[in-house]
Every structure is written in structure tokens, then in C-alpha cells.
């Protein structure tokens, strides 16, 4: 099934070429290339055009997306999924623990991609896995999947421009200050493939804002709300360990499993504008069961 999307040209976009306009709204080179090569992929006021066509105020452009071919490398596997939201353009999933997002060595049938492939198979729809936001295997919570190439391109552009706002919840050791910001560059730790560390000489800039929501003195644990300005690998885990408040259960930075058997990190809230309709969307996922012990009985 093809998907056709329409846009009305306003005064600010008058005089642009169709290609310039599409780049401005977030279309990638790959999407533009496929639209150009697909019959009737690009039209203005109902007439097929080249991407060089100049636009005028009031023009209506139509983009007809080529149909997807299902990913043959990802096997559909029945599994229970928590689908928070779904429409023609995107999905929001509440991912559980111990679930890799992508297939990799040693993980070929237990990933979110396998479950989503089954979800599409059950509906008789072609499947291409397009994860816009990613989570570590043991991080739970909300992530976004795009359902076609245009929404993937637009959402990825929004992520790069920091227009997708995400809030994490984490359990951290000790009494976390009421609020603060960790501004410390992160690099790959020397001699390790996966471990990251704060490195002020070689690291990439990284900023994490945190706020303490709750402290349990009997457990010496704080519940923290965290917001990222950057998206470095393991950023929250590294930054919290750096300031002396690591996440319990983190096999890399705090391998103590007396309270929880995974890093106590949860993608709690997402807020962003729908890439097609521009409607403001907001989603929340409550703390998973294995983190709820932080709340006093």
C-alpha cells in the first residue's frame, strides 16, 4: 500500500525549488532520491514534476512514497509488545527489560525488531524496522519507530535538532543533590569496546540535567529525573557514576545486583510534534515493576 502526503506552500516557501523545500522540512538525500525515481513520486497541483520545479504560494505538493519490501533478514517472532501509540506514520513502544532493540551476534530471535516484524506480519503489512530512538538492552521504556521512509527522515531530523524531548527516570546510589547539570565529555574507555568514560581531552561534549524526585535513606537510593542535551553512548550511566551516584545493577559502572539485576534506567516520557500532522504528542510509561521498590510502602 502506497502512502501519499500533501503539503500547502506558504509565502515563506514561495520561490524555493521543490527539492529545497523538501530538504528544509527534513527529507534526507536517500528519501529525495527514491521519490525522484518513483513514478508520480513528486507532483505539484496534481501534475508530476521534477525536483527542480519552482514553488509558488498556494501550491499543493504531493509525495507518493514507494511501497516497502519486508526486511528478509529479520524473522517475525511472536512476543508480547506494549504498543503505546500507532498510526500510519509511526509507533511508540514501551520496551521491556532484557530485550535488545536490533539483531546482533547472539541475538537473532529475541529482539524488539523480531517482535515488530511479527506485529506487521499479523496485519499483512510489509515491514522495515526503522528505530528512530534506541535504548540499551536493559533500559526500559519509550522509544519511537517510524513506519515509512519519510517519517523516519523527518523524525531523525527532529532528533538531531533536539525537537524530541525525552525524560528518563533512574535509581541512583546515595543522596543526589536536589538538581544540577553534569557537563563532562565522554569517550570510549581505553582498552574496551563498550565501556565509556569521562575524558576531557578526547571526549565528545555531553550534558545531562538531573533532578531528585525522592530519596530513600533506608536504601540509600535516590529516584532521579534526567534530561539529556546530547545523546552519547551510556551518557546517563557514565555521568551519574562520574559524580558518585551510579545506577545500581549496572554491569559496567556499578555491578551490584542486590536490589535490581539490570541498570535501573527507564525512558519515562516523550514529547514531540507529529512529523506529518504536526500535532503535539506526549506519552508516559510508568516505572517498571523491578524499579517500583523505590516508592515507600
Protein backbone atom coordinates (compact mmCIF):
# COMPACT_ATOMS: atom_id res chain seq x y z
CA UNK A 1 0.00 0.00 0.00
CA UNK A 2 1.40 3.38 -1.01
CA UNK A 3 1.18 6.47 1.17
CA UNK A 4 0.56 9.92 -0.36
CA UNK A 5 1.21 13.06 1.68
CA UNK A 6 0.28 16.60 0.75
CA UNK A 7 1.72 19.98 1.74
CA UNK A 8 0.48 23.51 1.06
CA UNK A 9 3.15 26.08 0.20
CA UNK A 10 3.06 29.27 2.27
CA UNK A 11 4.56 32.67 1.47
CA UNK A 12 7.81 31.87 3.31
CA UNK A 13 8.47 28.92 0.99
CA UNK A 14 7.44 30.63 -2.26
CA UNK A 15 10.32 30.76 -4.74
CA UNK A 16 12.04 27.64 -3.43
CA UNK A 17 12.53 24.64 -5.65
CA UNK A 18 10.66 21.51 -4.65
CA UNK A 19 13.96 19.89 -3.64
CA UNK A 20 14.92 22.88 -1.49
CA UNK A 21 11.54 22.76 0.23
CA UNK A 22 11.77 19.05 0.94
CA UNK A 23 15.26 19.41 2.38
CA UNK A 24 14.01 22.26 4.55
CA UNK A 25 11.28 20.09 6.13
CA UNK A 26 13.78 17.30 6.85
CA UNK A 27 13.85 14.97 3.83
CA UNK A 28 17.14 13.10 3.55
CA UNK A 29 19.06 12.62 0.32
CA UNK A 30 18.00 8.99 0.24
CA UNK A 31 14.30 9.87 0.52
CA UNK A 32 14.63 12.51 -2.21
CA UNK A 33 16.40 10.05 -4.47
CA UNK A 34 13.68 7.43 -4.06
CA UNK A 35 10.89 9.98 -4.60
CA UNK A 36 12.58 11.20 -7.79
CA UNK A 37 12.87 7.67 -9.18
CA UNK A 38 9.34 6.55 -8.27
CA UNK A 39 6.59 7.20 -10.87
CA UNK A 40 4.42 10.11 -9.69
CA UNK A 41 6.57 10.36 -6.58
CA UNK A 42 6.61 14.15 -6.85
CA UNK A 43 3.73 16.28 -8.09
CA UNK A 44 2.57 19.88 -7.76
CA UNK A 45 -1.12 20.73 -8.10
CA UNK A 46 -1.75 17.21 -9.39
CA UNK A 47 0.90 17.34 -12.12
CA UNK A 48 4.09 15.20 -11.95
CA UNK A 49 7.17 17.44 -11.77
CA UNK A 50 10.93 17.34 -11.41
CA UNK A 51 12.55 18.26 -8.10
CA UNK A 52 13.81 21.48 -9.69
CA UNK A 53 10.23 22.80 -10.07
CA UNK A 54 9.88 26.27 -8.51
CA UNK A 55 7.08 26.66 -5.99
CA UNK A 56 4.56 29.45 -5.50
CA UNK A 57 2.39 30.37 -2.53
CA UNK A 58 -0.74 28.22 -2.50
CA UNK A 59 0.76 25.34 -4.47
CA UNK A 60 -0.14 21.89 -3.22
CA UNK A 61 2.65 19.36 -3.46
CA UNK A 62 2.06 15.63 -3.18
CA UNK A 63 4.61 12.99 -2.23
CA UNK A 64 3.77 9.39 -3.11
CA UNK A 65 6.02 7.02 -1.22
CA UNK A 66 7.12 3.80 -2.92
CA UNK A 67 5.84 0.67 -1.17
CA UNK A 68 8.21 -1.08 1.20
CA UNK A 69 9.58 -4.57 0.79
CA UNK A 70 9.71 -6.51 4.04
CA UNK A 71 13.11 -6.99 5.64
CA UNK A 72 14.06 -10.61 4.89
CA UNK A 73 16.88 -10.62 7.44
CA UNK A 74 14.56 -10.10 10.44
CA UNK A 75 12.46 -13.14 11.30
CA UNK A 76 8.97 -12.47 12.72
CA UNK A 77 8.78 -13.89 16.23
CA UNK A 78 5.58 -13.85 18.33
CA UNK A 79 6.07 -11.85 21.50
CA UNK A 80 4.04 -9.62 23.78
CA UNK A 81 4.56 -5.95 22.96
CA UNK A 82 3.36 -2.84 24.79
CA UNK A 83 2.28 -0.63 21.88
CA UNK A 84 1.56 2.78 23.41
CA UNK A 85 0.61 4.51 20.14
CA UNK A 86 0.34 3.63 16.45
CA UNK A 87 -0.87 5.38 13.31
CA UNK A 88 0.05 5.28 9.60
CA UNK A 89 3.35 7.06 10.19
CA UNK A 90 4.88 5.96 13.50
CA UNK A 91 4.70 3.77 16.58
CA UNK A 92 5.66 4.38 20.20
CA UNK A 93 6.67 1.25 22.11
CA UNK A 94 7.19 0.72 25.83
CA UNK A 95 10.15 -1.69 25.74
CA UNK A 96 10.65 -4.20 28.49
CA UNK A 97 13.94 -5.23 30.13
CA UNK A 98 16.33 -7.84 28.70
CA UNK A 99 15.28 -7.00 25.15
CA UNK A 100 17.83 -5.85 22.55
CA UNK A 101 16.42 -3.42 20.01
CA UNK A 102 18.33 -4.76 16.98
CA UNK A 103 19.50 -8.24 16.00
CA UNK A 104 23.21 -8.75 16.63
CA UNK A 105 25.64 -11.57 17.25
CA UNK A 106 23.95 -13.87 19.76
CA UNK A 107 20.61 -12.04 19.46
CA UNK A 108 18.63 -13.15 16.40
CA UNK A 109 15.17 -14.01 17.66
CA UNK A 110 14.75 -12.17 20.94
CA UNK A 111 14.88 -8.55 19.79
CA UNK A 112 12.30 -5.82 19.54
CA UNK A 113 12.78 -5.92 15.76
CA UNK A 114 11.62 -9.57 15.71
CA UNK A 115 8.51 -8.69 17.71
CA UNK A 116 7.68 -5.72 15.48
CA UNK A 117 8.17 -7.92 12.39
CA UNK A 118 5.52 -10.28 13.83
CA UNK A 119 3.23 -7.31 14.59
CA UNK A 120 3.33 -6.26 10.93
CA UNK A 121 3.06 -9.86 9.69
CA UNK A 122 -0.16 -10.33 11.67
CA UNK A 123 -1.62 -7.25 9.97
CA UNK A 124 -0.47 -8.33 6.50
CA UNK A 125 1.69 -5.23 6.08
CA UNK A 126 5.26 -5.01 4.74
CA UNK A 127 7.86 -4.50 7.44
CA UNK A 128 11.03 -2.44 7.55
CA UNK A 129 12.47 -1.81 11.01
CA UNK A 130 13.14 1.91 11.47
CA UNK A 131 14.04 2.69 15.07
CA UNK A 132 14.32 6.46 15.44
CA UNK A 133 15.35 6.31 19.09
CA UNK A 134 17.28 3.46 20.66
CA UNK A 135 17.65 2.04 24.14
CA UNK A 136 20.21 -0.31 25.65
CA UNK A 137 19.13 -3.92 26.08
CA UNK A 138 18.44 -3.46 29.80
CA UNK A 139 16.99 0.06 29.65
CA UNK A 140 13.21 0.01 29.68
CA UNK A 141 10.64 2.47 28.41
CA UNK A 142 9.51 4.52 25.46
CA UNK A 143 11.06 4.58 22.01
CA UNK A 144 9.87 5.71 18.57
CA UNK A 145 9.63 3.60 15.42
CA UNK A 146 8.94 5.14 12.01
CA UNK A 147 6.60 3.25 9.68
CA UNK A 148 7.86 4.64 6.38
CA UNK A 149 10.95 6.32 4.96
CA UNK A 150 9.61 9.89 5.13
CA UNK A 151 8.55 9.77 8.77
CA UNK A 152 11.92 8.16 9.58
CA UNK A 153 13.76 11.00 7.86
CA UNK A 154 11.66 13.75 9.46
CA UNK A 155 11.87 12.21 12.94
CA UNK A 156 15.62 11.71 12.65
CA UNK A 157 15.98 15.36 11.67
CA UNK A 158 13.89 16.34 14.71
CA UNK A 159 16.12 14.25 16.99
CA UNK A 160 19.23 15.96 15.59
CA UNK A 161 17.63 19.37 16.20
CA UNK A 162 16.67 18.31 19.76
CA UNK A 163 12.98 18.66 18.99
CA UNK A 164 12.17 15.29 20.57
CA UNK A 165 12.11 15.81 24.33
CA UNK A 166 12.76 12.76 26.47
CA UNK A 167 12.70 12.33 30.24
CA UNK A 168 14.37 9.36 31.91
CA UNK A 169 13.84 8.03 35.42
CA UNK A 170 16.74 6.35 37.19
CA UNK A 171 17.59 4.94 40.57
CA UNK A 172 20.99 6.18 41.72
CA UNK A 173 23.07 5.39 44.78
CA UNK A 174 23.28 7.96 47.56
CA UNK A 175 21.55 11.27 48.25
CA UNK A 176 21.55 13.02 44.88
CA UNK A 177 21.63 16.84 45.06
CA UNK A 178 18.21 18.41 44.56
CA UNK A 179 19.10 19.38 40.99
CA UNK A 180 22.09 20.02 38.80
CA UNK A 181 23.86 19.57 35.47
CA UNK A 182 26.73 17.27 34.58
CA UNK A 183 28.82 18.84 31.80
CA UNK A 184 31.57 16.32 31.06
CA UNK A 185 32.77 14.98 27.67
CA UNK A 186 32.52 11.24 27.07
CA UNK A 187 34.86 8.94 25.14
CA UNK A 188 35.39 5.22 24.71
CA UNK A 189 37.41 3.86 27.62
CA UNK A 190 40.90 2.78 26.63
CA UNK A 191 41.14 -0.95 26.01
CA UNK A 192 37.35 -1.52 25.99
CA UNK A 193 34.90 -1.96 23.13
CA UNK A 194 31.77 -0.98 25.08
CA UNK A 195 32.79 0.89 28.22
CA UNK A 196 32.69 4.71 28.18
CA UNK A 197 34.35 7.23 30.47
CA UNK A 198 34.62 10.96 31.06
CA UNK A 199 37.62 12.18 29.06
CA UNK A 200 38.19 15.93 28.92
CA UNK A 201 40.86 15.63 26.23
CA UNK A 202 39.40 13.11 23.78
CA UNK A 203 35.72 13.05 24.71
CA UNK A 204 32.71 14.45 22.86
CA UNK A 205 30.67 17.10 24.65
CA UNK A 206 27.88 15.73 26.86
CA UNK A 207 25.42 17.47 29.16
CA UNK A 208 22.92 15.79 31.50
CA UNK A 209 20.38 17.70 33.62
CA UNK A 210 19.07 15.92 36.71
CA UNK A 211 16.50 16.50 39.43
CA UNK A 212 15.97 14.44 42.59
CA UNK A 213 12.38 13.27 42.99
CA UNK A 214 12.70 11.04 46.04
CA UNK A 215 15.29 9.75 48.50
CA UNK A 216 15.03 6.50 50.47
CA UNK A 217 17.51 6.76 53.37
CA UNK A 218 16.90 3.13 54.36
CA UNK A 219 18.10 2.05 50.90
CA UNK A 220 20.43 5.00 50.36
CA UNK A 221 18.89 5.41 46.90
CA UNK A 222 17.52 8.42 45.04
CA UNK A 223 14.91 8.47 42.28
CA UNK A 224 16.08 10.95 39.65
CA UNK A 225 14.50 12.62 36.63
CA UNK A 226 17.05 13.16 33.87
CA UNK A 227 17.07 15.09 30.62
CA UNK A 228 19.81 14.92 28.00
CA UNK A 229 21.13 17.75 25.86
CA UNK A 230 23.28 15.26 23.95
CA UNK A 231 22.90 11.58 23.20
CA UNK A 232 26.25 9.96 23.85
CA UNK A 233 26.51 6.21 24.39
CA UNK A 234 25.81 5.31 28.05
CA UNK A 235 25.59 9.05 28.85
CA UNK A 236 23.35 8.85 31.92
CA UNK A 237 25.16 5.81 33.29
CA UNK A 238 28.59 7.39 32.84
CA UNK A 239 27.62 10.83 34.15
CA UNK A 240 25.88 9.54 37.25
CA UNK A 241 28.85 7.28 38.07
CA UNK A 242 31.21 10.22 37.46
CA UNK A 243 29.51 12.36 40.13
CA UNK A 244 29.44 9.48 42.61
CA UNK A 245 25.83 8.36 42.12
CA UNK A 246 25.95 5.27 39.84
CA UNK A 247 22.90 3.28 38.84
CA UNK A 248 22.59 0.01 40.80
CA UNK A 249 22.60 -3.14 38.73
CA UNK A 250 24.77 -1.59 36.00
CA UNK A 251 27.18 -4.34 34.96
CA UNK A 252 29.68 -1.81 33.58
CA UNK A 253 29.64 1.02 36.11
CA UNK A 254 28.08 -0.40 39.31
CA UNK A 255 27.91 -4.22 39.24
CA UNK A 256 25.91 -4.65 42.44
CA UNK A 257 22.76 -6.71 41.89
CA UNK A 258 21.40 -6.85 45.43
CA UNK A 259 18.46 -4.57 44.56
CA UNK A 260 17.99 -4.96 40.81
CA UNK A 261 19.56 -7.20 38.18
CA UNK A 262 19.91 -4.57 35.45
CA UNK A 263 20.79 -0.90 35.24
CA UNK A 264 17.92 0.95 36.90
CA UNK A 265 17.11 3.22 33.95
CA UNK A 266 13.73 3.88 32.35
CA UNK A 267 12.68 6.08 29.39
CA UNK A 268 9.67 7.61 31.12
CA UNK A 269 8.29 10.37 28.87
CA UNK A 270 8.40 11.51 25.24
CA UNK A 271 7.13 14.80 23.82
CA UNK A 272 7.37 15.76 20.15
CA UNK A 273 5.40 17.11 17.21
CA UNK A 274 3.97 14.50 14.87
CA UNK A 275 6.23 14.55 11.79
CA UNK A 276 3.28 14.62 9.37
CA UNK A 277 0.30 16.21 11.15
CA UNK A 278 2.42 18.48 13.41
CA UNK A 279 0.10 17.66 16.32
CA UNK A 280 1.87 17.79 19.71
CA UNK A 281 2.25 14.29 21.14
CA UNK A 282 3.09 13.33 24.71
CA UNK A 283 3.49 9.83 26.12
CA UNK A 284 4.45 8.47 29.53
CA UNK A 285 5.33 4.98 30.73
CA UNK A 286 5.22 4.27 34.49
CA UNK A 287 8.17 2.75 36.30
CA UNK A 288 8.51 -0.96 35.53
CA UNK A 289 7.86 -3.45 38.33
CA UNK A 290 11.52 -4.04 39.13
CA UNK A 291 12.06 -0.33 39.91
CA UNK A 292 8.89 0.32 41.92
CA UNK A 293 10.51 -0.74 45.18
CA UNK A 294 11.86 2.83 45.44
CA UNK A 295 8.40 4.04 46.48
CA UNK A 296 7.72 3.82 50.25
CA UNK A 297 5.10 1.24 51.17
